[in-house]
Structures are given as structure tokens and as C-alpha cells.
Amino acid sequence: MYNYYYDNYLNYCMKRYKDMCPQLYHKVQRITVRVCQEDDRNMYVFPNEDVVENMVDRIYECYTNENKTRDDEVDLDEEYRSRRGILRDFMRFILLRNLVDRRCRYFGRRCYYY
């Protein structure tokens, strides 16, 4: 017998999870899904390192174009460059998680881990 209370609880947990995620995650996740839909032609073969790096570059470019301010052109010091590296690592993580999720088998259950 299917447990509807458990399904409602999972929906509640998923909503709480999405509410607790930082705003940066939601912005990057939206761009990542769009890039994956454009570029993920063969769902059964995992892309190689060059394709993943190209996808991360496109995600970073889209994110910086959407969130550009006048102060960004002036702020090119060492701290900004180190933050850019951390942001690119964060984007790579979200991209890899999304690519793996696209290849998982659901077996009638929903994947709730992203």
C-alpha cells in the first residue's frame, strides 16, 4: 500500500530544503539546467573533462552577464580572483550533480537529493 503521508512529508522536506538553499544556488542551478538541456545530447555517455570544463565556462559567463554591476569592472584584485575560483568550483559541483541526476534510474521513485 502506498503511504501518502510519507509522500507529503517528502514534499514538505523538499520545500524546506529549497527554502533553506542560498539564493546563489537557485541562480546557478537555473543556469546549469539550461546549459545541460542545450548540451547534453547523449544521456547515456558521461561527458569528458573538456566538455564539462566548457559547460562550466558557459555557466560562469551566463552568471556574470546576468549579475554584472559597475563595481565588478573595478574590483579585479587577488581576493576577487580567489572568489571566482571558488564560484567556478561551486558551479562545477552543481553541474556534475545535475549530469549524474540525469543519468540515474528512478524505478518509480523521485530523486529528492538536489
PDB file of N, CA and C in Angstrom:
ATOM      1  N   MET A   1       0.837  -1.184   0.000  1.00  0.00           N
ATOM      2  CA  MET A   1       0.000   0.000   0.000  1.00  0.00           C
ATOM      3  C   MET A   1       0.876   1.238   0.000  1.00  0.00           C
ATOM      4  N   TYR A   2       0.503   2.211  -0.765  1.00  0.00           N
ATOM      5  CA  TYR A   2       1.285   3.436  -0.877  1.00  0.00           C
ATOM      6  C   TYR A   2       1.004   4.338   0.316  1.00  0.00           C
ATOM      7  N   ASN A   3       2.044   4.875   0.892  1.00  0.00           N
ATOM      8  CA  ASN A   3       1.911   5.715   2.066  1.00  0.00           C
ATOM      9  C   ASN A   3       1.873   7.184   1.648  1.00  0.00           C
ATOM     10  N   TYR A   4       0.683   7.775   1.606  1.00  0.00           N
ATOM     11  CA  TYR A   4       0.537   9.157   1.177  1.00  0.00           C
ATOM     12  C   TYR A   4       1.097  10.131   2.198  1.00  0.00           C
ATOM     13  N   TYR A   5       1.072   9.756   3.466  1.00  0.00           N
ATOM     14  CA  TYR A   5       1.625  10.634   4.489  1.00  0.00           C
ATOM     15  C   TYR A   5       3.128  10.791   4.299  1.00  0.00           C
ATOM     16  N   TYR A   6       3.803   9.716   3.946  1.00  0.00           N
ATOM     17  CA  TYR A   6       5.239   9.777   3.712  1.00  0.00           C
ATOM     18  C   TYR A   6       5.550  10.636   2.485  1.00  0.00           C
ATOM     19  N   ASP A   7       4.742  10.514   1.448  1.00  0.00           N
ATOM     20  CA  ASP A   7       4.935  11.319   0.249  1.00  0.00           C
ATOM     21  C   ASP A   7       4.731  12.798   0.561  1.00  0.00           C
ATOM     22  N   ASN A   8       3.727  13.126   1.353  1.00  0.00           N
ATOM     23  CA  ASN A   8       3.508  14.511   1.758  1.00  0.00           C
ATOM     24  C   ASN A   8       4.666  15.019   2.602  1.00  0.00           C
ATOM     25  N   TYR A   9       5.190  14.148   3.452  1.00  0.00           N
ATOM     26  CA  TYR A   9       6.324  14.543   4.272  1.00  0.00           C
ATOM     27  C   TYR A   9       7.552  14.809   3.405  1.00  0.00           C
ATOM     28  N   LEU A  10       7.779  13.985   2.383  1.00  0.00           N
ATOM     29  CA  LEU A  10       8.902  14.218   1.478  1.00  0.00           C
ATOM     30  C   LEU A  10       8.728  15.522   0.704  1.00  0.00           C
ATOM     31  N   ASN A  11       7.509  15.817   0.286  1.00  0.00           N
ATOM     32  CA  ASN A  11       7.250  17.091  -0.387  1.00  0.00           C
ATOM     33  C   ASN A  11       7.519  18.267   0.545  1.00  0.00           C
ATOM     34  N   TYR A  12       7.107  18.112   1.807  1.00  0.00           N
ATOM     35  CA  TYR A  12       7.364  19.149   2.804  1.00  0.00           C
ATOM     36  C   TYR A  12       8.872  19.338   3.009  1.00  0.00           C
ATOM     37  N   CYS A  13       9.603  18.229   3.118  1.00  0.00           N
ATOM     38  CA  CYS A  13      11.058  18.305   3.311  1.00  0.00           C
ATOM     39  C   CYS A  13      11.733  18.944   2.110  1.00  0.00           C
ATOM     40  N   MET A  14      11.276  18.603   0.920  1.00  0.00           N
ATOM     41  CA  MET A  14      11.863  19.174  -0.283  1.00  0.00           C
ATOM     42  C   MET A  14      11.614  20.678  -0.352  1.00  0.00           C
ATOM     43  N   LYS A  15      10.429  21.117   0.025  1.00  0.00           N
ATOM     44  CA  LYS A  15      10.126  22.545   0.040  1.00  0.00           C
ATOM     45  C   LYS A  15      10.991  23.260   1.066  1.00  0.00           C
ATOM     46  N   ARG A  16      11.154  22.679   2.229  1.00  0.00           N
ATOM     47  CA  ARG A  16      12.009  23.289   3.265  1.00  0.00           C
ATOM     48  C   ARG A  16      13.458  23.347   2.800  1.00  0.00           C
ATOM     49  N   TYR A  17      13.906  22.293   2.123  1.00  0.00           N
ATOM     50  CA  TYR A  17      15.271  22.250   1.603  1.00  0.00           C
ATOM     51  C   TYR A  17      15.498  23.380   0.600  1.00  0.00           C
ATOM     52  N   LYS A  18      14.557  23.564  -0.306  1.00  0.00           N
ATOM     53  CA  LYS A  18      14.699  24.619  -1.310  1.00  0.00           C
ATOM     54  C   LYS A  18      14.636  26.004  -0.683  1.00  0.00           C
ATOM     55  N   ASP A  19      13.847  26.158   0.382  1.00  0.00           N
ATOM     56  CA  ASP A  19      13.778  27.449   1.061  1.00  0.00           C
ATOM     57  C   ASP A  19      15.077  27.773   1.792  1.00  0.00           C
ATOM     58  N   MET A  20      15.770  26.750   2.270  1.00  0.00           N
ATOM     59  CA  MET A  20      17.000  26.967   3.030  1.00  0.00           C
ATOM     60  C   MET A  20      18.233  27.162   2.155  1.00  0.00           C
ATOM     61  N   CYS A  21      18.154  26.787   0.894  1.00  0.00           N
ATOM     62  CA  CYS A  21      19.308  26.943  -0.003  1.00  0.00           C
ATOM     63  C   CYS A  21      19.571  28.423  -0.243  1.00  0.00           C
ATOM     64  N   PRO A  22      20.840  28.800  -0.365  1.00  0.00           N
ATOM     65  CA  PRO A  22      21.135  30.213  -0.620  1.00  0.00           C
ATOM     66  C   PRO A  22      20.658  30.648  -2.008  1.00  0.00           C
ATOM     67  N   GLN A  23      20.485  31.932  -2.160  1.00  0.00           N
ATOM     68  CA  GLN A  23      19.999  32.491  -3.424  1.00  0.00           C
ATOM     69  C   GLN A  23      20.957  32.183  -4.567  1.00  0.00           C
ATOM     70  N   LEU A  24      22.246  32.143  -4.270  1.00  0.00           N
ATOM     71  CA  LEU A  24      23.249  31.821  -5.288  1.00  0.00           C
ATOM     72  C   LEU A  24      22.998  30.441  -5.883  1.00  0.00           C
ATOM     73  N   TYR A  25      22.632  29.478  -5.049  1.00  0.00           N
ATOM     74  CA  TYR A  25      22.349  28.125  -5.527  1.00  0.00           C
ATOM     75  C   TYR A  25      21.206  28.140  -6.537  1.00  0.00           C
ATOM     76  N   HIS A  26      20.138  28.861  -6.235  1.00  0.00           N
ATOM     77  CA  HIS A  26      18.980  28.896  -7.136  1.00  0.00           C
ATOM     78  C   HIS A  26      19.340  29.532  -8.477  1.00  0.00           C
ATOM     79  N   LYS A  27      20.154  30.593  -8.449  1.00  0.00           N
ATOM     80  CA  LYS A  27      20.557  31.246  -9.701  1.00  0.00           C
ATOM     81  C   LYS A  27      21.423  30.313 -10.544  1.00  0.00           C
ATOM     82  N   VAL A  28      22.408  29.686  -9.896  1.00  0.00           N
ATOM     83  CA  VAL A  28      23.330  28.817 -10.623  1.00  0.00           C
ATOM     84  C   VAL A  28      22.616  27.554 -11.090  1.00  0.00           C
ATOM     85  N   GLN A  29      21.723  27.019 -10.296  1.00  0.00           N
ATOM     86  CA  GLN A  29      21.002  25.800 -10.666  1.00  0.00           C
ATOM     87  C   GLN A  29      20.150  26.032 -11.910  1.00  0.00           C
ATOM     88  N   ARG A  30      19.494  27.178 -11.979  1.00  0.00           N
ATOM     89  CA  ARG A  30      18.655  27.504 -13.138  1.00  0.00           C
ATOM     90  C   ARG A  30      19.504  27.580 -14.414  1.00  0.00           C
ATOM     91  N   ILE A  31      20.653  28.227 -14.315  1.00  0.00           N
ATOM     92  CA  ILE A  31      21.546  28.331 -15.478  1.00  0.00           C
ATOM     93  C   ILE A  31      22.104  26.960 -15.840  1.00  0.00           C
ATOM     94  N   THR A  32      22.442  26.162 -14.838  1.00  0.00           N
ATOM     95  CA  THR A  32      23.009  24.830 -15.070  1.00  0.00           C
ATOM     96  C   THR A  32      22.021  23.931 -15.792  1.00  0.00           C
ATOM     97  N   VAL A  33      20.772  23.968 -15.397  1.00  0.00           N
ATOM     98  CA  VAL A  33      19.751  23.149 -16.063  1.00  0.00           C
ATOM     99  C   VAL A  33      19.616  23.564 -17.523  1.00  0.00           C
ATOM    100  N   ARG A  34      19.642  24.859 -17.773  1.00  0.00           N
ATOM    101  CA  ARG A  34      19.540  25.348 -19.152  1.00  0.00           C
ATOM    102  C   ARG A  34      20.728  24.893 -19.998  1.00  0.00           C
ATOM    103  N   VAL A  35      21.947  24.989 -19.447  1.00  0.00           N
ATOM    104  CA  VAL A  35      23.141  24.564 -20.183  1.00  0.00           C
ATOM    105  C   VAL A  35      23.110  23.061 -20.416  1.00  0.00           C
ATOM    106  N   CYS A  36      22.669  22.291 -19.440  1.00  0.00           N
ATOM    107  CA  CYS A  36      22.575  20.834 -19.620  1.00  0.00           C
ATOM    108  C   CYS A  36      21.567  20.469 -20.697  1.00  0.00           C
ATOM    109  N   GLN A  37      20.458  21.158 -20.741  1.00  0.00           N
ATOM    110  CA  GLN A  37      19.464  20.878 -21.768  1.00  0.00           C
ATOM    111  C   GLN A  37      19.977  21.208 -23.156  1.00  0.00           C
ATOM    112  N   GLU A  38      20.795  22.244 -23.266  1.00  0.00           N
ATOM    113  CA  GLU A  38      21.344  22.616 -24.564  1.00  0.00           C
ATOM    114  C   GLU A  38      22.427  21.654 -25.022  1.00  0.00           C
ATOM    115  N   ASP A  39      23.226  21.154 -24.094  1.00  0.00           N
ATOM    116  CA  ASP A  39      24.462  20.476 -24.461  1.00  0.00           C
ATOM    117  C   ASP A  39      24.450  18.968 -24.216  1.00  0.00           C
ATOM    118  N   ASP A  40      23.519  18.469 -23.468  1.00  0.00           N
ATOM    119  CA  ASP A  40      23.529  17.054 -23.095  1.00  0.00           C
ATOM    120  C   ASP A  40      22.760  16.252 -24.142  1.00  0.00           C
ATOM    121  N   ARG A  41      23.438  15.910 -25.230  1.00  0.00           N
ATOM    122  CA  ARG A  41      22.782  15.206 -26.326  1.00  0.00           C
ATOM    123  C   ARG A  41      22.656  13.713 -26.054  1.00  0.00           C
ATOM    124  N   ASN A  42      23.738  13.109 -25.607  1.00  0.00           N
ATOM    125  CA  ASN A  42      23.732  11.670 -25.358  1.00  0.00           C
ATOM    126  C   ASN A  42      23.642  11.439 -23.855  1.00  0.00           C
ATOM    127  N   MET A  43      22.472  11.046 -23.396  1.00  0.00           N
ATOM    128  CA  MET A  43      22.227  10.925 -21.970  1.00  0.00           C
ATOM    129  C   MET A  43      22.925   9.724 -21.342  1.00  0.00           C
ATOM    130  N   TYR A  44      23.348   8.764 -22.129  1.00  0.00           N
ATOM    131  CA  TYR A  44      23.888   7.534 -21.569  1.00  0.00           C
ATOM    132  C   TYR A  44      25.403   7.542 -21.436  1.00  0.00           C
ATOM    133  N   VAL A  45      26.068   8.480 -22.093  1.00  0.00           N
ATOM    134  CA  VAL A  45      27.521   8.580 -22.001  1.00  0.00           C
ATOM    135  C   VAL A  45      27.845   9.827 -21.191  1.00  0.00           C
ATOM    136  N   PHE A  46      28.632   9.648 -20.135  1.00  0.00           N
ATOM    137  CA  PHE A  46      29.008  10.804 -19.317  1.00  0.00           C
ATOM    138  C   PHE A  46      30.032  11.635 -20.077  1.00  0.00           C
ATOM    139  N   PRO A  47      29.894  12.964 -20.094  1.00  0.00           N
ATOM    140  CA  PRO A  47      30.812  13.805 -20.879  1.00  0.00           C
ATOM    141  C   PRO A  47      32.234  13.767 -20.319  1.00  0.00           C
ATOM    142  N   ASN A  48      33.205  14.007 -21.197  1.00  0.00           N
ATOM    143  CA  ASN A  48      34.595  14.007 -20.754  1.00  0.00           C
ATOM    144  C   ASN A  48      34.943  15.334 -20.087  1.00  0.00           C
ATOM    145  N   GLU A  49      36.190  15.432 -19.610  1.00  0.00           N
ATOM    146  CA  GLU A  49      36.634  16.595 -18.840  1.00  0.00           C
ATOM    147  C   GLU A  49      36.562  17.900 -19.631  1.00  0.00           C
ATOM    148  N   ASP A  50      36.903  17.856 -20.908  1.00  0.00           N
ATOM    149  CA  ASP A  50      36.872  19.070 -21.734  1.00  0.00           C
ATOM    150  C   ASP A  50      35.456  19.597 -21.917  1.00  0.00           C
ATOM    151  N   VAL A  51      34.513  18.709 -22.125  1.00  0.00           N
ATOM    152  CA  VAL A  51      33.111  19.127 -22.293  1.00  0.00           C
ATOM    153  C   VAL A  51      32.587  19.715 -20.987  1.00  0.00           C
ATOM    154  N   VAL A  52      32.932  19.088 -19.860  1.00  0.00           N
ATOM    155  CA  VAL A  52      32.486  19.611 -18.563  1.00  0.00           C
ATOM    156  C   VAL A  52      33.090  20.991 -18.316  1.00  0.00           C
ATOM    157  N   GLU A  53      34.365  21.159 -18.608  1.00  0.00           N
ATOM    158  CA  GLU A  53      35.013  22.463 -18.410  1.00  0.00           C
ATOM    159  C   GLU A  53      34.385  23.525 -19.315  1.00  0.00           C
ATOM    160  N   ASN A  54      34.043  23.158 -20.538  1.00  0.00           N
ATOM    161  CA  ASN A  54      33.371  24.085 -21.447  1.00  0.00           C
ATOM    162  C   ASN A  54      31.998  24.471 -20.902  1.00  0.00           C
ATOM    163  N   MET A  55      31.271  23.514 -20.341  1.00  0.00           N
ATOM    164  CA  MET A  55      29.959  23.796 -19.774  1.00  0.00           C
ATOM    165  C   MET A  55      30.086  24.717 -18.558  1.00  0.00           C
ATOM    166  N   VAL A  56      31.099  24.499 -17.721  1.00  0.00           N
ATOM    167  CA  VAL A  56      31.323  25.370 -16.564  1.00  0.00           C
ATOM    168  C   VAL A  56      31.649  26.787 -17.028  1.00  0.00           C
ATOM    169  N   ASP A  57      32.449  26.910 -18.080  1.00  0.00           N
ATOM    170  CA  ASP A  57      32.757  28.237 -18.630  1.00  0.00           C
ATOM    171  C   ASP A  57      31.493  28.947 -19.094  1.00  0.00           C
ATOM    172  N   ARG A  58      30.601  28.223 -19.753  1.00  0.00           N
ATOM    173  CA  ARG A  58      29.345  28.829 -20.219  1.00  0.00           C
ATOM    174  C   ARG A  58      28.446  29.222 -19.059  1.00  0.00           C
ATOM    175  N   ILE A  59      28.400  28.385 -18.017  1.00  0.00           N
ATOM    176  CA  ILE A  59      27.600  28.715 -16.828  1.00  0.00           C
ATOM    177  C   ILE A  59      28.156  29.970 -16.173  1.00  0.00           C
ATOM    178  N   TYR A  60      29.480  30.036 -16.018  1.00  0.00           N
ATOM    179  CA  TYR A  60      30.102  31.195 -15.386  1.00  0.00           C
ATOM    180  C   TYR A  60      29.858  32.458 -16.207  1.00  0.00           C
ATOM    181  N   GLU A  61      29.963  32.351 -17.513  1.00  0.00           N
ATOM    182  CA  GLU A  61      29.726  33.503 -18.389  1.00  0.00           C
ATOM    183  C   GLU A  61      28.280  33.983 -18.285  1.00  0.00           C
ATOM    184  N   CYS A  62      27.327  33.062 -18.304  1.00  0.00           N
ATOM    185  CA  CYS A  62      25.911  33.443 -18.167  1.00  0.00           C
ATOM    186  C   CYS A  62      25.647  34.085 -16.812  1.00  0.00           C
ATOM    187  N   TYR A  63      26.225  33.514 -15.764  1.00  0.00           N
ATOM    188  CA  TYR A  63      26.011  34.050 -14.415  1.00  0.00           C
ATOM    189  C   TYR A  63      26.587  35.455 -14.292  1.00  0.00           C
ATOM    190  N   THR A  64      27.801  35.669 -14.794  1.00  0.00           N
ATOM    191  CA  THR A  64      28.400  37.002 -14.687  1.00  0.00           C
ATOM    192  C   THR A  64      27.663  38.017 -15.553  1.00  0.00           C
ATOM    193  N   ASN A  65      27.148  37.601 -16.702  1.00  0.00           N
ATOM    194  CA  ASN A  65      26.383  38.530 -17.538  1.00  0.00           C
ATOM    195  C   ASN A  65      25.061  38.923 -16.885  1.00  0.00           C
ATOM    196  N   GLU A  66      24.430  37.984 -16.187  1.00  0.00           N
ATOM    197  CA  GLU A  66      23.155  38.288 -15.535  1.00  0.00           C
ATOM    198  C   GLU A  66      23.334  39.121 -14.273  1.00  0.00           C
ATOM    199  N   ASN A  67      24.478  39.022 -13.612  1.00  0.00           N
ATOM    200  CA  ASN A  67      24.675  39.672 -12.310  1.00  0.00           C
ATOM    201  C   ASN A  67      25.796  40.704 -12.336  1.00  0.00           C
ATOM    202  N   LYS A  68      25.979  41.338 -13.459  1.00  0.00           N
ATOM    203  CA  LYS A  68      27.060  42.310 -13.591  1.00  0.00           C
ATOM    204  C   LYS A  68      26.644  43.659 -13.019  1.00  0.00           C
ATOM    205  N   THR A  69      27.568  44.269 -12.279  1.00  0.00           N
ATOM    206  CA  THR A  69      27.380  45.628 -11.770  1.00  0.00           C
ATOM    207  C   THR A  69      28.569  46.468 -12.208  1.00  0.00           C
ATOM    208  N   ARG A  70      28.479  47.773 -11.992  1.00  0.00           N
ATOM    209  CA  ARG A  70      29.590  48.649 -12.370  1.00  0.00           C
ATOM    210  C   ARG A  70      30.821  48.409 -11.497  1.00  0.00           C
ATOM    211  N   ASP A  71      30.641  47.961 -10.278  1.00  0.00           N
ATOM    212  CA  ASP A  71      31.769  47.730  -9.380  1.00  0.00           C
ATOM    213  C   ASP A  71      32.598  46.518  -9.790  1.00  0.00           C
ATOM    214  N   ASP A  72      32.030  45.611 -10.573  1.00  0.00           N
ATOM    215  CA  ASP A  72      32.751  44.399 -10.969  1.00  0.00           C
ATOM    216  C   ASP A  72      33.936  44.709 -11.870  1.00  0.00           C
ATOM    217  N   GLU A  73      33.843  45.742 -12.704  1.00  0.00           N
ATOM    218  CA  GLU A  73      34.972  46.066 -13.566  1.00  0.00           C
ATOM    219  C   GLU A  73      36.146  46.620 -12.778  1.00  0.00           C
ATOM    220  N   VAL A  74      35.873  47.300 -11.665  1.00  0.00           N
ATOM    221  CA  VAL A  74      36.924  47.917 -10.856  1.00  0.00           C
ATOM    222  C   VAL A  74      37.573  46.894  -9.931  1.00  0.00           C
ATOM    223  N   ASP A  75      36.800  45.955  -9.418  1.00  0.00           N
ATOM    224  CA  ASP A  75      37.259  45.025  -8.387  1.00  0.00           C
ATOM    225  C   ASP A  75      37.945  43.809  -9.022  1.00  0.00           C
ATOM    226  N   LEU A  76      39.199  43.937  -9.396  1.00  0.00           N
ATOM    227  CA  LEU A  76      39.933  42.839 -10.014  1.00  0.00           C
ATOM    228  C   LEU A  76      41.157  42.452  -9.181  1.00  0.00           C
ATOM    229  N   ASP A  77      41.092  42.593  -7.870  1.00  0.00           N
ATOM    230  CA  ASP A  77      42.232  42.268  -7.028  1.00  0.00           C
ATOM    231  C   ASP A  77      42.314  40.763  -6.758  1.00  0.00           C
ATOM    232  N   GLU A  78      43.266  40.381  -5.944  1.00  0.00           N
ATOM    233  CA  GLU A  78      43.526  38.960  -5.677  1.00  0.00           C
ATOM    234  C   GLU A  78      42.338  38.272  -4.988  1.00  0.00           C
ATOM    235  N   GLU A  79      41.683  38.983  -4.087  1.00  0.00           N
ATOM    236  CA  GLU A  79      40.533  38.390  -3.391  1.00  0.00           C
ATOM    237  C   GLU A  79      39.409  38.061  -4.369  1.00  0.00           C
ATOM    238  N   TYR A  80      39.173  38.940  -5.335  1.00  0.00           N
ATOM    239  CA  TYR A  80      38.139  38.694  -6.334  1.00  0.00           C
ATOM    240  C   TYR A  80      38.479  37.470  -7.174  1.00  0.00           C
ATOM    241  N   ARG A  81      39.744  37.327  -7.552  1.00  0.00           N
ATOM    242  CA  ARG A  81      40.141  36.167  -8.347  1.00  0.00           C
ATOM    243  C   ARG A  81      39.977  34.875  -7.566  1.00  0.00           C
ATOM    244  N   SER A  82      40.287  34.900  -6.261  1.00  0.00           N
ATOM    245  CA  SER A  82      40.123  33.681  -5.460  1.00  0.00           C
ATOM    246  C   SER A  82      38.647  33.340  -5.290  1.00  0.00           C
ATOM    247  N   ARG A  83      37.799  34.345  -5.141  1.00  0.00           N
ATOM    248  CA  ARG A  83      36.359  34.074  -5.067  1.00  0.00           C
ATOM    249  C   ARG A  83      35.847  33.502  -6.364  1.00  0.00           C
ATOM    250  N   ARG A  84      36.386  33.983  -7.476  1.00  0.00           N
ATOM    251  CA  ARG A  84      35.971  33.466  -8.777  1.00  0.00           C
ATOM    252  C   ARG A  84      36.293  31.985  -8.884  1.00  0.00           C
ATOM    253  N   GLY A  85      37.439  31.558  -8.358  1.00  0.00           N
ATOM    254  CA  GLY A  85      37.799  30.140  -8.370  1.00  0.00           C
ATOM    255  C   GLY A  85      36.846  29.306  -7.520  1.00  0.00           C
ATOM    256  N   ILE A  86      36.471  29.832  -6.380  1.00  0.00           N
ATOM    257  CA  ILE A  86      35.522  29.117  -5.513  1.00  0.00           C
ATOM    258  C   ILE A  86      34.158  29.035  -6.184  1.00  0.00           C
ATOM    259  N   LEU A  87      33.743  30.118  -6.811  1.00  0.00           N
ATOM    260  CA  LEU A  87      32.452  30.124  -7.512  1.00  0.00           C
ATOM    261  C   LEU A  87      32.454  29.121  -8.660  1.00  0.00           C
ATOM    262  N   ARG A  88      33.553  29.049  -9.407  1.00  0.00           N
ATOM    263  CA  ARG A  88      33.644  28.078 -10.503  1.00  0.00           C
ATOM    264  C   ARG A  88      33.625  26.643  -9.964  1.00  0.00           C
ATOM    265  N   ASP A  89      34.257  26.393  -8.826  1.00  0.00           N
ATOM    266  CA  ASP A  89      34.201  25.062  -8.217  1.00  0.00           C
ATOM    267  C   ASP A  89      32.773  24.719  -7.790  1.00  0.00           C
ATOM    268  N   PHE A  90      32.070  25.709  -7.239  1.00  0.00           N
ATOM    269  CA  PHE A  90      30.676  25.518  -6.850  1.00  0.00           C
ATOM    270  C   PHE A  90      29.815  25.196  -8.073  1.00  0.00           C
ATOM    271  N   MET A  91      30.061  25.910  -9.163  1.00  0.00           N
ATOM    272  CA  MET A  91      29.315  25.661 -10.400  1.00  0.00           C
ATOM    273  C   MET A  91      29.630  24.288 -10.968  1.00  0.00           C
ATOM    274  N   ARG A  92      30.893  23.879 -10.888  1.00  0.00           N
ATOM    275  CA  ARG A  92      31.276  22.544 -11.356  1.00  0.00           C
ATOM    276  C   ARG A  92      30.572  21.463 -10.546  1.00  0.00           C
ATOM    277  N   PHE A  93      30.504  21.642  -9.248  1.00  0.00           N
ATOM    278  CA  PHE A  93      29.814  20.680  -8.387  1.00  0.00           C
ATOM    279  C   PHE A  93      28.344  20.562  -8.758  1.00  0.00           C
ATOM    280  N   ILE A  94      27.674  21.691  -8.931  1.00  0.00           N
ATOM    281  CA  ILE A  94      26.251  21.661  -9.295  1.00  0.00           C
ATOM    282  C   ILE A  94      26.066  21.026 -10.669  1.00  0.00           C
ATOM    283  N   LEU A  95      26.950  21.329 -11.605  1.00  0.00           N
ATOM    284  CA  LEU A  95      26.867  20.745 -12.943  1.00  0.00           C
ATOM    285  C   LEU A  95      27.048  19.226 -12.888  1.00  0.00           C
ATOM    286  N   LEU A  96      28.053  18.757 -12.182  1.00  0.00           N
ATOM    287  CA  LEU A  96      28.282  17.309 -12.094  1.00  0.00           C
ATOM    288  C   LEU A  96      27.117  16.616 -11.416  1.00  0.00           C
ATOM    289  N   ARG A  97      26.573  17.232 -10.368  1.00  0.00           N
ATOM    290  CA  ARG A  97      25.414  16.647  -9.686  1.00  0.00           C
ATOM    291  C   ARG A  97      24.227  16.563 -10.641  1.00  0.00           C
ATOM    292  N   ASN A  98      24.038  17.591 -11.446  1.00  0.00           N
ATOM    293  CA  ASN A  98      22.941  17.607 -12.402  1.00  0.00           C
ATOM    294  C   ASN A  98      23.144  16.558 -13.487  1.00  0.00           C
ATOM    295  N   LEU A  99      24.372  16.403 -13.978  1.00  0.00           N
ATOM    296  CA  LEU A  99      24.649  15.394 -15.002  1.00  0.00           C
ATOM    297  C   LEU A  99      24.440  13.979 -14.461  1.00  0.00           C
ATOM    298  N   VAL A 100      24.831  13.748 -13.224  1.00  0.00           N
ATOM    299  CA  VAL A 100      24.615  12.419 -12.621  1.00  0.00           C
ATOM    300  C   VAL A 100      23.131  12.174 -12.413  1.00  0.00           C
ATOM    301  N   ASP A 101      22.407  13.188 -11.958  1.00  0.00           N
ATOM    302  CA  ASP A 101      20.964  13.035 -11.739  1.00  0.00           C
ATOM    303  C   ASP A 101      20.222  12.735 -13.030  1.00  0.00           C
ATOM    304  N   ARG A 102      20.684  13.279 -14.131  1.00  0.00           N
ATOM    305  CA  ARG A 102      20.043  12.999 -15.417  1.00  0.00           C
ATOM    306  C   ARG A 102      20.228  11.555 -15.842  1.00  0.00           C
ATOM    307  N   ARG A 103      21.234  10.882 -15.301  1.00  0.00           N
ATOM    308  CA  ARG A 103      21.527   9.508 -15.695  1.00  0.00           C
ATOM    309  C   ARG A 103      21.096   8.476 -14.658  1.00  0.00           C
ATOM    310  N   CYS A 104      20.471   8.912 -13.570  1.00  0.00           N
ATOM    311  CA  CYS A 104      20.078   7.939 -12.537  1.00  0.00           C
ATOM    312  C   CYS A 104      18.782   7.241 -12.942  1.00  0.00           C
ATOM    313  N   ARG A 105      18.603   6.069 -12.437  1.00  0.00           N
ATOM    314  CA  ARG A 105      17.363   5.324 -12.670  1.00  0.00           C
ATOM    315  C   ARG A 105      16.428   5.605 -11.520  1.00  0.00           C
ATOM    316  N   TYR A 106      15.204   5.890 -11.850  1.00  0.00           N
ATOM    317  CA  TYR A 106      14.258   6.292 -10.820  1.00  0.00           C
ATOM    318  C   TYR A 106      13.505   5.117 -10.214  1.00  0.00           C
ATOM    319  N   PHE A 107      13.220   4.088 -10.970  1.00  0.00           N
ATOM    320  CA  PHE A 107      12.469   2.926 -10.503  1.00  0.00           C
ATOM    321  C   PHE A 107      11.163   3.324  -9.817  1.00  0.00           C
ATOM    322  N   GLY A 108      10.480   4.297 -10.378  1.00  0.00           N
ATOM    323  CA  GLY A 108       9.180   4.683  -9.834  1.00  0.00           C
ATOM    324  C   GLY A 108       9.251   5.623  -8.656  1.00  0.00           C
ATOM    325  N   ARG A 109      10.447   5.938  -8.171  1.00  0.00           N
ATOM    326  CA  ARG A 109      10.596   6.865  -7.051  1.00  0.00           C
ATOM    327  C   ARG A 109      11.202   8.166  -7.556  1.00  0.00           C
ATOM    328  N   ARG A 110      10.973   9.217  -6.856  1.00  0.00           N
ATOM    329  CA  ARG A 110      11.547  10.510  -7.222  1.00  0.00           C
ATOM    330  C   ARG A 110      12.913  10.662  -6.574  1.00  0.00           C
ATOM    331  N   CYS A 111      13.834  11.273  -7.284  1.00  0.00           N
ATOM    332  CA  CYS A 111      15.129  11.616  -6.704  1.00  0.00           C
ATOM    333  C   CYS A 111      14.973  12.949  -5.968  1.00  0.00           C
ATOM    334  N   TYR A 112      15.201  12.947  -4.666  1.00  0.00           N
ATOM    335  CA  TYR A 112      14.993  14.148  -3.855  1.00  0.00           C
ATOM    336  C   TYR A 112      16.292  14.772  -3.394  1.00  0.00           C
ATOM    337  N   TYR A 113      17.410  14.439  -3.970  1.00  0.00           N
ATOM    338  CA  TYR A 113      18.657  14.919  -3.400  1.00  0.00           C
ATOM    339  C   TYR A 113      19.263  16.086  -4.142  1.00  0.00           C
ATOM    340  N   TYR A 114      18.513  16.844  -4.910  1.00  0.00           N
ATOM    341  CA  TYR A 114      19.067  18.090  -5.473  1.00  0.00           C
ATOM    342  C   TYR A 114      18.088  19.205  -5.401  1.00  0.00           C
TER     343      TYR A 114
END
